[in-house]
Amino acid sequence: MKYLLAFALFIVLNTVIYNEFEISGFLIYNFAVISLSLVMIYDKIGKKSSDILSSKSYITEQNKLKQQLSDIDKEHSR
């Protein structure tokens, strides 16, 4: 839904900007599609980087728990 709103916003924005230069409507649509594609790519990159960060923190947390368990095992084995 947010991409649809962004697409409509880019069409309106590009229409306002490019009407001043008398560019045809098809070019306005193309500029909107290109702009929306860039937003989608940026959004995908942002999601991937946040997924990577969350998986790294999960792995770090998992390693901490493993270390705690091994410390407990060492204490009980003494």
Foldseek 3Di string as FASTA:
>chain_A
DVLVVQLVVQLVVLCVVCVVVPDDSVVSNVRSVVVSVVVVVVVVVVVVVVVVVVVVVVVVVVVVVVVVVVVVVVVVVD
